[in-house]
């Protein structure tokens, strides 16, 4: 009678002529094996069609094959980009992604994250800004033995636990581009209060104006929250100024798109009447009209590297995987910027 039950780890051990523990080491890519044994067991696994039980492996390792993403971010596109990068890193592995939004302002935030990490028994977690800027959260991960990598707009931790971008420098260079084009009345729309990215980008903007000896009046700065609607509201206030700005630099593309909408509502031509510059280089930036000049933030590559740092030492005989910790943003010149008319 033909056997219909699924092969087990015991079947693999019996056919391979090794112990169940040795089979487990092969499945877990342990370096404590010679190559001949590893290849023999892998051959039997393939011949029998054996599929390891992830629940059983998780129980043995006291960790699930789960990578967590913890965030409190109003920019949905950014979160989607991070998910894309992590999923690219864990493709063709046994790992899956679990996403957990949190409220960074809640008194129970740390305890909520603790319960999440302990309940899910995560292999590791990627911390997205602004919660990644909370040192207590990193300490919590260390305390409970959960691997972590922090993402941010400036270096927050050692290279093993950090993936950062050069936001301040990138915004300074982008602002200098506006100045080189002849703009002197340049307005700024800030990101949310408490976000390190908002601070770093604002500082880069101020650095460039200061170097060019262009004064920054308070009226030329508007608050935003990295959303389209706050970009519209900020632009409406800035465009009421007399004289109005010849250029508006928004701290992300969502708000920059809101600026474009507000300008169109007033019958302004972009870039003839108003130049607009954003930050992120989201898919929308290249598809609207005119296409948005922006700073390309390599968020997908950063997220991929963050996940790879978590997986360092997993597979390939336990060899460490080296990933960069600093990623450079670059200016993408499109049609939303031109020399001012006056």
Protein backbone atom coordinates (compact mmCIF):
# COMPACT_ATOMS: atom_id res chain seq x y z
CA UNK A 1 0.00 0.00 0.00
CA UNK A 2 1.36 3.38 -0.97
CA UNK A 3 2.42 5.55 1.94
CA UNK A 4 0.41 8.78 1.98
CA UNK A 5 1.58 10.38 5.23
CA UNK A 6 4.08 13.22 5.14
CA UNK A 7 7.72 12.28 5.85
CA UNK A 8 9.01 13.28 9.28
CA UNK A 9 12.34 14.33 10.65
CA UNK A 10 12.70 10.78 12.00
CA UNK A 11 12.33 9.41 8.45
CA UNK A 12 15.07 11.76 7.23
CA UNK A 13 17.37 10.70 10.07
CA UNK A 14 16.75 6.99 9.39
CA UNK A 15 17.39 7.18 5.64
CA UNK A 16 20.43 9.46 6.12
CA UNK A 17 21.95 7.24 8.79
CA UNK A 18 22.36 10.14 11.19
CA UNK A 19 20.71 11.28 14.39
CA UNK A 20 17.59 13.44 14.58
CA UNK A 21 19.76 16.14 16.14
CA UNK A 22 22.05 16.14 13.11
CA UNK A 23 19.07 16.58 10.78
CA UNK A 24 17.91 19.48 12.95
CA UNK A 25 21.34 21.09 12.62
CA UNK A 26 21.17 20.78 8.84
CA UNK A 27 17.70 22.38 8.80
CA UNK A 28 18.92 25.22 11.01
CA UNK A 29 22.08 25.76 8.94
CA UNK A 30 24.33 25.02 11.89
CA UNK A 31 28.06 25.42 11.17
CA UNK A 32 28.76 22.39 13.42
CA UNK A 33 28.66 19.93 10.52
CA UNK A 34 31.01 18.76 7.79
CA UNK A 35 29.94 19.42 4.23
CA UNK A 36 29.58 15.72 3.29
CA UNK A 37 27.03 15.12 6.05
CA UNK A 38 25.17 18.31 5.23
CA UNK A 39 24.88 17.44 1.53
CA UNK A 40 23.80 13.83 2.26
CA UNK A 41 21.02 14.97 4.57
CA UNK A 42 19.91 17.72 2.18
CA UNK A 43 19.71 15.11 -0.59
CA UNK A 44 17.47 12.87 1.53
CA UNK A 45 15.28 15.85 2.45
CA UNK A 46 14.82 16.58 -1.25
CA UNK A 47 14.19 12.92 -2.20
CA UNK A 48 11.61 12.40 0.53
CA UNK A 49 9.94 15.76 -0.02
CA UNK A 50 10.34 16.56 3.67
CA UNK A 51 9.11 20.02 4.70
CA UNK A 52 10.32 21.24 8.12
CA UNK A 53 7.59 22.20 10.56
CA UNK A 54 8.11 25.91 11.34
CA UNK A 55 6.12 25.67 14.58
CA UNK A 56 8.28 22.82 15.80
CA UNK A 57 11.44 24.66 14.85
CA UNK A 58 10.23 27.80 16.57
CA UNK A 59 9.53 25.82 19.73
CA UNK A 60 13.00 24.29 19.67
CA UNK A 61 14.71 27.64 19.04
CA UNK A 62 12.40 29.52 21.42
CA UNK A 63 11.85 32.05 18.66
CA UNK A 64 9.33 32.32 15.85
CA UNK A 65 10.50 32.95 12.29
CA UNK A 66 9.00 36.40 12.43
CA UNK A 67 10.49 39.84 11.77
CA UNK A 68 8.55 42.64 13.41
CA UNK A 69 8.10 46.19 12.14
CA UNK A 70 7.16 48.68 14.86
CA UNK A 71 6.13 52.16 13.75
CA UNK A 72 4.18 55.30 14.57
CA UNK A 73 4.25 57.19 11.30
CA UNK A 74 1.54 59.20 9.50
CA UNK A 75 3.13 58.63 6.08
CA UNK A 76 1.53 55.47 4.69
CA UNK A 77 3.79 55.42 1.63
CA UNK A 78 6.90 55.39 3.80
CA UNK A 79 5.59 52.42 5.80
CA UNK A 80 4.77 50.58 2.56
CA UNK A 81 8.28 51.25 1.23
CA UNK A 82 9.82 49.87 4.42
CA UNK A 83 7.66 46.77 4.16
CA UNK A 84 8.82 46.31 0.56
CA UNK A 85 12.47 46.44 1.58
CA UNK A 86 12.03 43.97 4.45
CA UNK A 87 10.02 41.56 2.28
CA UNK A 88 12.77 41.66 -0.36
CA UNK A 89 15.31 40.71 2.31
CA UNK A 90 13.33 37.77 3.68
CA UNK A 91 12.20 36.43 0.30
CA UNK A 92 13.20 32.75 -0.14
CA UNK A 93 13.64 32.39 3.62
CA UNK A 94 11.35 30.95 6.28
CA UNK A 95 10.81 34.38 7.81
CA UNK A 96 7.58 36.38 7.69
CA UNK A 97 6.81 40.00 8.51
CA UNK A 98 4.54 41.19 11.31
CA UNK A 99 3.61 44.90 11.38
CA UNK A 100 2.67 46.62 14.62
CA UNK A 101 1.64 50.32 14.75
CA UNK A 102 2.02 51.99 18.14
CA UNK A 103 1.23 55.32 19.74
CA UNK A 104 4.58 56.82 20.74
CA UNK A 105 2.82 59.38 22.95
CA UNK A 106 0.93 56.82 25.03
CA UNK A 107 2.22 56.29 28.60
CA UNK A 108 1.89 52.54 28.03
CA UNK A 109 3.89 52.49 24.77
CA UNK A 110 6.92 50.65 26.12
CA UNK A 111 4.80 48.10 27.96
CA UNK A 112 2.66 47.59 24.86
CA UNK A 113 5.76 46.90 22.76
CA UNK A 114 7.11 44.56 25.43
CA UNK A 115 3.91 42.50 25.34
CA UNK A 116 4.03 42.42 21.54
CA UNK A 117 7.65 41.23 21.41
CA UNK A 118 7.18 38.61 24.13
CA UNK A 119 3.85 37.34 22.83
CA UNK A 120 5.06 36.96 19.24
CA UNK A 121 8.50 35.68 20.28
CA UNK A 122 10.01 37.61 17.40
CA UNK A 123 13.35 36.71 15.92
CA UNK A 124 14.04 40.41 15.54
CA UNK A 125 12.41 43.79 15.03
CA UNK A 126 12.93 46.82 12.80
CA UNK A 127 12.16 50.10 14.59
CA UNK A 128 10.93 52.86 12.30
CA UNK A 129 11.31 56.56 13.09
CA UNK A 130 10.22 58.29 15.21
CA UNK A 131 9.89 55.39 17.70
CA UNK A 132 13.40 54.27 16.71
CA UNK A 133 14.68 57.49 18.31
CA UNK A 134 13.53 56.26 21.73
CA UNK A 135 16.61 54.83 23.48
CA UNK A 136 14.39 53.14 26.07
CA UNK A 137 12.83 51.03 23.32
CA UNK A 138 16.25 49.85 22.17
CA UNK A 139 17.13 49.02 25.78
CA UNK A 140 13.90 47.06 26.10
CA UNK A 141 14.81 44.92 23.08
CA UNK A 142 18.22 44.24 24.61
CA UNK A 143 16.64 43.38 27.95
CA UNK A 144 14.32 40.70 26.55
CA UNK A 145 16.89 39.37 24.08
CA UNK A 146 15.20 40.48 20.87
CA UNK A 147 17.44 41.52 17.99
CA UNK A 148 16.71 45.01 16.76
CA UNK A 149 17.75 47.51 14.10
CA UNK A 150 16.84 51.20 14.27
CA UNK A 151 16.15 53.24 11.16
CA UNK A 152 16.63 56.99 11.23
CA UNK A 153 17.73 60.24 9.64
CA UNK A 154 20.90 60.38 11.73
CA UNK A 155 23.13 57.87 13.51
CA UNK A 156 21.44 56.72 16.73
CA UNK A 157 23.28 53.51 17.64
CA UNK A 158 26.24 51.32 16.72
CA UNK A 159 26.44 49.96 13.18
CA UNK A 160 25.02 46.56 14.16
CA UNK A 161 21.78 48.18 15.29
CA UNK A 162 21.51 51.14 12.93
CA UNK A 163 20.59 52.10 9.38
CA UNK A 164 20.66 55.86 8.75
CA UNK A 165 20.43 58.43 5.98
CA UNK A 166 22.16 61.80 5.50
CA UNK A 167 19.01 63.97 5.55
CA UNK A 168 20.67 67.17 6.72
CA UNK A 169 23.37 67.10 4.05
CA UNK A 170 20.90 66.09 1.31
CA UNK A 171 18.51 68.96 2.12
CA UNK A 172 21.39 71.42 2.29
CA UNK A 173 22.48 70.43 -1.22
CA UNK A 174 18.90 70.56 -2.55
CA UNK A 175 18.38 74.01 -1.07
CA UNK A 176 21.64 75.14 -2.63
CA UNK A 177 20.23 74.02 -5.98
CA UNK A 178 17.29 76.40 -5.50
CA UNK A 179 19.67 79.19 -4.57
CA UNK A 180 21.85 78.49 -7.60
CA UNK A 181 18.72 78.77 -9.75
CA UNK A 182 18.30 82.31 -8.41
CA UNK A 183 15.71 81.83 -5.65
CA UNK A 184 16.01 84.03 -2.55
CA UNK A 185 12.45 83.92 -1.21
CA UNK A 186 12.40 80.23 -0.30
CA UNK A 187 9.79 78.94 2.14
CA UNK A 188 10.00 75.76 4.19
CA UNK A 189 7.24 73.34 5.30
CA UNK A 190 8.41 71.36 8.32
CA UNK A 191 7.68 67.78 9.30
CA UNK A 192 6.00 66.75 12.57
CA UNK A 193 7.33 68.01 15.88
CA UNK A 194 9.38 65.34 17.65
CA UNK A 195 10.56 63.62 14.46
CA UNK A 196 14.34 63.53 14.10
CA UNK A 197 13.91 63.54 10.32
CA UNK A 198 11.96 66.82 10.53
CA UNK A 199 14.73 68.39 12.61
CA UNK A 200 17.59 67.14 10.43
CA UNK A 201 15.89 68.36 7.25
CA UNK A 202 15.08 71.76 8.76
CA UNK A 203 18.71 72.12 9.86
CA UNK A 204 19.92 71.32 6.33
CA UNK A 205 17.62 74.01 4.93
CA UNK A 206 18.90 76.56 7.46
CA UNK A 207 22.53 75.58 6.76
CA UNK A 208 22.17 76.40 3.08
CA UNK A 209 20.38 79.72 3.64
CA UNK A 210 22.94 80.70 6.25
CA UNK A 211 25.88 79.91 3.97
CA UNK A 212 24.26 82.04 1.25
CA UNK A 213 23.50 84.83 3.77
CA UNK A 214 19.80 84.63 2.99
CA UNK A 215 17.72 85.51 6.07
CA UNK A 216 15.01 83.05 7.11
CA UNK A 217 11.98 84.94 8.35
CA UNK A 218 9.56 83.13 10.63
CA UNK A 219 6.74 83.87 8.20
CA UNK A 220 8.53 81.73 5.60
CA UNK A 221 8.30 78.60 7.75
CA UNK A 222 5.05 76.61 8.06
CA UNK A 223 4.28 73.54 10.13
CA UNK A 224 3.28 70.26 8.51
CA UNK A 225 2.67 66.66 9.49
CA UNK A 226 4.03 64.74 6.48
CA UNK A 227 0.51 64.54 5.00
CA UNK A 228 -1.10 65.94 1.86
CA UNK A 229 -3.70 67.96 3.78
CA UNK A 230 -1.11 69.69 5.98
CA UNK A 231 0.86 70.50 2.83
CA UNK A 232 -2.22 72.22 1.37
CA UNK A 233 -2.87 74.21 4.56
CA UNK A 234 0.78 75.25 4.90
CA UNK A 235 0.96 76.30 1.25
CA UNK A 236 -2.21 78.38 1.53
CA UNK A 237 -0.65 80.38 4.38
CA UNK A 238 2.67 80.81 2.59
CA UNK A 239 1.04 81.85 -0.69
CA UNK A 240 -0.91 84.56 1.16
CA UNK A 241 2.38 86.32 1.91
CA UNK A 242 3.26 89.48 0.02
CA UNK A 243 5.60 89.13 -1.66
CA UNK A 244 4.97 85.41 -1.83
CA UNK A 245 7.78 82.84 -2.01
CA UNK A 246 9.25 82.02 -5.39
CA UNK A 247 9.99 78.50 -4.15
CA UNK A 248 8.59 76.19 -1.47
CA UNK A 249 10.61 73.28 -0.13
CA UNK A 250 8.43 70.73 1.68
CA UNK A 251 10.03 68.19 4.03
CA UNK A 252 8.37 65.29 2.19
CA UNK A 253 6.64 64.55 -1.11
CA UNK A 254 3.17 64.19 0.37
CA UNK A 255 3.26 67.79 1.55
CA UNK A 256 4.93 68.95 -1.66
CA UNK A 257 2.04 67.43 -3.61
CA UNK A 258 -0.29 69.42 -1.35
CA UNK A 259 1.65 72.56 -2.27
CA UNK A 260 1.16 71.81 -5.97
CA UNK A 261 -2.58 71.38 -5.40
CA UNK A 262 -2.84 74.68 -3.51
CA UNK A 263 -0.89 76.49 -6.24
CA UNK A 264 -3.16 75.10 -8.94
CA UNK A 265 -6.24 76.19 -6.97
CA UNK A 266 -4.92 79.76 -7.14
CA UNK A 267 -4.21 79.56 -10.86
CA UNK A 268 -0.44 79.63 -10.38
CA UNK A 269 1.79 78.01 -12.94
CA UNK A 270 4.42 75.59 -11.62
CA UNK A 271 7.32 76.21 -12.09
CA UNK A 272 6.92 79.61 -13.81
CA UNK A 273 5.17 81.27 -10.83
CA UNK A 274 6.31 78.90 -8.10
CA UNK A 275 9.01 76.25 -7.83
CA UNK A 276 8.31 73.23 -5.60
CA UNK A 277 10.75 70.76 -4.11
CA UNK A 278 10.02 67.68 -1.98
CA UNK A 279 11.79 64.84 -0.19
CA UNK A 280 11.37 61.04 -0.57
CA UNK A 281 10.93 60.47 -4.33
CA UNK A 282 7.72 58.50 -3.90
CA UNK A 283 6.15 56.95 -7.03
CA UNK A 284 3.67 59.86 -7.13
CA UNK A 285 6.51 62.38 -7.44
CA UNK A 286 7.36 61.22 -10.94
CA UNK A 287 3.78 60.79 -12.11
CA UNK A 288 2.17 64.14 -11.29
CA UNK A 289 2.44 67.17 -13.57
CA UNK A 290 4.81 68.77 -13.53
CA UNK A 291 6.96 65.90 -12.22
CA UNK A 292 8.28 66.80 -8.78
CA UNK A 293 11.88 67.77 -8.15
CA UNK A 294 12.73 65.94 -4.96
CA UNK A 295 15.40 64.29 -2.83
CA UNK A 296 15.47 60.54 -3.37
CA UNK A 297 15.43 58.88 0.03
CA UNK A 298 16.68 55.28 -0.37
CA UNK A 299 14.13 53.97 2.14
CA UNK A 300 13.59 50.61 0.43
CA UNK A 301 17.33 49.90 0.39
CA UNK A 302 17.59 51.04 4.00
CA UNK A 303 14.79 48.70 5.07
CA UNK A 304 16.33 45.81 3.15
CA UNK A 305 19.65 46.42 4.90
CA UNK A 306 17.93 46.63 8.29
CA UNK A 307 16.34 43.22 7.77
CA UNK A 308 19.61 41.75 6.53
CA UNK A 309 21.33 42.99 9.67
CA UNK A 310 18.73 41.12 11.72
CA UNK A 311 19.36 37.96 9.71
CA UNK A 312 23.17 38.26 9.92
CA UNK A 313 24.59 34.89 10.90
CA UNK A 314 21.43 33.00 9.90
CA UNK A 315 22.11 30.51 7.14
CA UNK A 316 25.23 30.15 5.02
CA UNK A 317 26.93 28.21 7.79
CA UNK A 318 26.47 31.00 10.29
CA UNK A 319 28.58 33.47 8.37
CA UNK A 320 27.85 37.10 9.14
CA UNK A 321 26.25 39.32 6.50
CA UNK A 322 27.81 42.77 6.19
CA UNK A 323 25.38 45.58 5.32
CA UNK A 324 26.04 49.33 5.20
CA UNK A 325 24.76 51.55 7.98
CA UNK A 326 24.70 54.88 6.11
CA UNK A 327 22.72 55.53 2.93
CA UNK A 328 23.06 58.70 0.86
CA UNK A 329 20.05 60.61 -0.47
CA UNK A 330 20.35 62.28 -3.87
CA UNK A 331 18.66 65.20 -5.63
CA UNK A 332 16.36 64.24 -8.51
CA UNK A 333 15.84 67.20 -10.83
CA UNK A 334 12.50 67.31 -12.60
CA UNK A 335 10.20 69.96 -14.03
CA UNK A 336 8.80 71.54 -10.83
CA UNK A 337 11.81 73.86 -10.38
CA UNK A 338 12.86 76.73 -12.66
CA UNK A 339 14.49 80.12 -12.32
CA UNK A 340 12.20 82.73 -10.71
CA UNK A 341 10.50 85.26 -12.98
CA UNK A 342 11.42 88.23 -10.75
